[in-house]
Amino acid sequence: MTSPSDQAAPRQEAASKPERTSRAQRWRGRAVQALILIAVYLGVSAWQRRSTLSTDGPAPSLRGVTLDGRELSLAQLRGKSVLLHFWATWCGVCNLEHGSLNALHARLPENTVLVSVVADGTDRAALAEFVKEHDIRYPVLVADEGAIQRYAVSAFPTNYYLDEAGQIQDVTVGMSTRWAMWLRLWLA
């Protein structure tokens, strides 16, 4: 005759074995989901960058006047890594990035520059009010008419990462975190 405790031991073993199997299946499922997520992210990123400039050439010329009246050109920035951030005031995603860009700008190394290029800055007074209302603390460049076309910007925000020689090292389209922007600048 078997005691109740003898009968409980095989039940516990049987119960724990499927639990281990289901735990392994859950981890396998999570790994597959993570791989799918990474593949989708990479696919969307590649699709978004399909019309941007190549990352193996020089950046086109860029010049304009900042909101505080300073003339600025890429030629003046040679010897520094540059993040060119193209945006528009009407762009919701762009407006979500102002805080990240402020934080990035506040902690940039000495040889690194953030230049934001606004696409719809024809009314300088309205733009200055927008910058004040949104507490934008980084340079805002009102670029010449052809800058958006020369940089093949078809969506906002678009970021170009340039090395010290003015070569395009990376391009992103869409929202970025300050850490991702900082890492791309560091690698440029």
Protein backbone atom coordinates (compact mmCIF):
# COMPACT_ATOMS: atom_id res chain seq x y z
CA MET A 1 0.00 0.00 0.00
CA THR A 2 1.32 3.43 -0.91
CA SER A 3 1.13 6.38 1.36
CA PRO A 4 -0.29 9.76 0.22
CA SER A 5 3.20 11.27 0.33
CA ASP A 6 4.51 8.56 -2.07
CA GLN A 7 1.74 9.41 -4.52
CA ALA A 8 2.44 13.15 -4.29
CA ALA A 9 6.12 12.82 -5.34
CA PRO A 10 5.41 11.52 -8.88
CA ARG A 11 2.73 14.17 -9.32
CA GLN A 12 5.20 16.91 -8.39
CA GLU A 13 7.77 15.56 -10.85
CA ALA A 14 5.16 15.36 -13.59
CA ALA A 15 3.94 18.88 -12.82
CA SER A 16 7.43 20.40 -12.80
CA LYS A 17 8.55 18.80 -16.07
CA PRO A 18 5.83 20.46 -18.22
CA GLU A 19 6.53 23.71 -16.35
CA ARG A 20 10.17 23.58 -17.47
CA THR A 21 9.12 22.80 -21.00
CA SER A 22 6.62 25.64 -21.06
CA ARG A 23 9.24 28.01 -19.59
CA ALA A 24 11.66 27.05 -22.37
CA GLN A 25 8.90 27.50 -24.92
CA ARG A 26 8.09 30.94 -23.51
CA TRP A 27 11.75 32.01 -23.80
CA ARG A 28 11.95 30.65 -27.33
CA GLY A 29 8.78 32.55 -28.19
CA ARG A 30 10.19 35.75 -26.70
CA ALA A 31 13.41 35.31 -28.66
CA VAL A 32 11.46 34.87 -31.90
CA GLN A 33 9.37 37.96 -31.09
CA ALA A 34 12.54 39.98 -30.40
CA LEU A 35 14.07 38.87 -33.70
CA ILE A 36 10.90 39.80 -35.56
CA LEU A 37 10.86 43.20 -33.86
CA ILE A 38 14.51 43.83 -34.79
CA ALA A 39 13.85 42.75 -38.40
CA VAL A 40 10.84 45.08 -38.64
CA TYR A 41 12.83 47.97 -37.13
CA LEU A 42 15.70 47.45 -39.58
CA GLY A 43 13.31 47.12 -42.50
CA VAL A 44 11.40 50.29 -41.61
CA SER A 45 14.68 52.19 -41.07
CA ALA A 46 16.00 51.11 -44.46
CA TRP A 47 12.71 52.03 -46.13
CA GLN A 48 12.69 55.48 -44.48
CA ARG A 49 16.27 56.17 -45.65
CA ARG A 50 15.65 55.01 -49.23
CA SER A 51 15.63 58.52 -50.69
CA THR A 52 18.28 60.15 -48.48
CA LEU A 53 21.82 60.93 -49.55
CA SER A 54 24.43 58.20 -49.55
CA THR A 55 26.55 57.75 -46.45
CA ASP A 56 29.79 57.46 -48.40
CA GLY A 57 30.10 60.97 -49.76
CA PRO A 58 30.58 64.59 -48.79
CA ALA A 59 27.74 66.63 -47.34
CA PRO A 60 26.32 69.23 -49.74
CA SER A 61 26.94 72.87 -48.98
CA LEU A 62 24.73 74.45 -46.37
CA ARG A 63 24.53 78.02 -45.26
CA GLY A 64 22.04 80.18 -43.52
CA VAL A 65 21.37 82.56 -40.68
CA THR A 66 20.60 81.45 -37.13
CA LEU A 67 17.71 83.02 -35.27
CA ASP A 68 20.17 85.12 -33.29
CA GLY A 69 21.47 86.60 -36.56
CA ARG A 70 24.75 84.69 -36.99
CA GLU A 71 25.70 83.49 -40.46
CA LEU A 72 26.60 79.82 -40.43
CA SER A 73 27.94 77.43 -43.04
CA LEU A 74 29.19 73.86 -42.96
CA ALA A 75 32.59 75.10 -44.14
CA GLN A 76 32.94 76.91 -40.79
CA LEU A 77 32.37 73.62 -38.96
CA ARG A 78 35.18 71.60 -40.58
CA GLY A 79 37.15 69.74 -37.95
CA LYS A 80 34.03 69.00 -35.90
CA SER A 81 31.48 66.20 -35.89
CA VAL A 82 28.11 67.65 -36.87
CA LEU A 83 24.52 66.57 -36.38
CA LEU A 84 22.32 68.27 -38.96
CA HIS A 85 18.76 67.98 -37.69
CA PHE A 86 16.15 68.85 -40.33
CA TRP A 87 12.71 69.57 -38.86
CA ALA A 88 9.51 71.57 -39.27
CA THR A 89 7.34 73.42 -36.76
CA TRP A 90 4.21 71.52 -37.85
CA CYS A 91 5.88 68.10 -37.36
CA GLY A 92 4.51 66.33 -34.26
CA VAL A 93 7.45 63.92 -34.00
CA CYS A 94 9.89 66.83 -34.31
CA ASN A 95 8.14 68.58 -31.44
CA LEU A 96 8.55 65.48 -29.27
CA GLU A 97 12.33 65.60 -29.80
CA HIS A 98 12.99 69.13 -28.53
CA GLY A 99 13.72 67.93 -24.99
CA SER A 100 16.11 65.24 -26.21
CA LEU A 101 17.89 67.70 -28.47
CA ASN A 102 18.19 70.24 -25.64
CA ALA A 103 19.74 67.55 -23.40
CA LEU A 104 22.08 66.41 -26.18
CA HIS A 105 23.14 69.97 -26.99
CA ALA A 106 23.89 70.72 -23.32
CA ARG A 107 26.35 67.79 -23.11
CA LEU A 108 28.10 67.83 -26.47
CA PRO A 109 31.88 67.46 -26.45
CA GLU A 110 33.91 70.47 -27.57
CA ASN A 111 34.53 69.16 -31.10
CA THR A 112 30.87 68.33 -31.78
CA VAL A 113 28.06 70.57 -33.03
CA LEU A 114 24.28 70.28 -33.29
CA VAL A 115 22.71 72.41 -36.00
CA SER A 116 18.96 72.25 -36.48
CA VAL A 117 17.68 73.28 -39.86
CA VAL A 118 14.05 74.39 -39.91
CA ALA A 119 12.15 73.77 -43.12
CA ASP A 120 9.35 76.30 -42.59
CA GLY A 121 11.19 79.29 -41.16
CA THR A 122 10.19 81.96 -43.66
CA ASP A 123 8.41 84.02 -40.97
CA ARG A 124 11.32 84.69 -38.60
CA ALA A 125 9.15 86.38 -35.96
CA ALA A 126 6.75 83.43 -35.81
CA LEU A 127 9.69 81.02 -35.70
CA ALA A 128 11.34 82.96 -32.88
CA GLU A 129 8.07 82.78 -30.91
CA PHE A 130 7.82 79.03 -31.59
CA VAL A 131 11.40 78.49 -30.36
CA LYS A 132 10.66 80.48 -27.20
CA GLU A 133 7.37 78.66 -26.51
CA HIS A 134 9.00 75.25 -26.95
CA ASP A 135 12.14 76.16 -24.95
CA ILE A 136 14.48 75.23 -27.80
CA ARG A 137 18.04 75.92 -26.59
CA TYR A 138 20.09 74.67 -29.54
CA PRO A 139 20.94 76.65 -32.69
CA VAL A 140 18.11 76.98 -35.21
CA LEU A 141 19.31 77.69 -38.72
CA VAL A 142 17.02 79.19 -41.32
CA ALA A 143 18.74 77.65 -44.31
CA ASP A 144 18.80 78.79 -47.90
CA GLU A 145 15.93 77.72 -50.16
CA GLY A 146 17.62 74.67 -51.70
CA ALA A 147 18.92 73.02 -48.50
CA ILE A 148 15.98 70.64 -48.14
CA GLN A 149 16.36 69.53 -51.77
CA ARG A 150 20.17 69.23 -51.65
CA TYR A 151 19.87 66.99 -48.59
CA ALA A 152 17.01 64.99 -50.15
CA VAL A 153 14.83 65.50 -47.08
CA SER A 154 11.41 64.00 -47.78
CA ALA A 155 10.25 63.40 -44.18
CA PHE A 156 10.78 65.06 -40.83
CA PRO A 157 12.80 64.77 -38.72
CA THR A 158 15.81 63.73 -40.78
CA ASN A 159 19.27 63.65 -39.18
CA TYR A 160 22.59 63.66 -41.01
CA TYR A 161 25.71 62.79 -39.02
CA LEU A 162 28.90 64.28 -40.46
CA ASP A 163 32.50 63.57 -39.53
CA GLU A 164 35.26 66.18 -39.11
CA ALA A 165 35.97 66.14 -42.86
CA GLY A 166 32.34 66.88 -43.76
CA GLN A 167 31.60 63.33 -44.93
CA ILE A 168 28.15 61.85 -44.28
CA GLN A 169 28.58 58.97 -41.84
CA ASP A 170 24.97 58.11 -41.04
CA VAL A 171 21.40 59.19 -41.74
CA THR A 172 18.23 58.61 -39.74
CA VAL A 173 14.64 59.47 -40.51
CA GLY A 174 12.02 59.67 -37.80
CA MET A 175 12.22 59.91 -34.06
CA SER A 176 15.53 59.25 -32.31
CA THR A 177 16.49 59.20 -28.66
CA ARG A 178 19.21 61.49 -27.36
CA TRP A 179 21.33 58.40 -26.59
CA ALA A 180 21.04 57.12 -30.17
CA MET A 181 21.91 60.57 -31.53
CA TRP A 182 24.86 60.89 -29.15
CA LEU A 183 26.15 57.43 -30.12
CA ARG A 184 25.91 58.21 -33.84
CA LEU A 185 27.75 61.51 -33.30
CA TRP A 186 30.44 59.75 -31.29
CA LEU A 187 30.90 57.21 -34.09
CA ALA A 188 31.02 59.89 -36.82
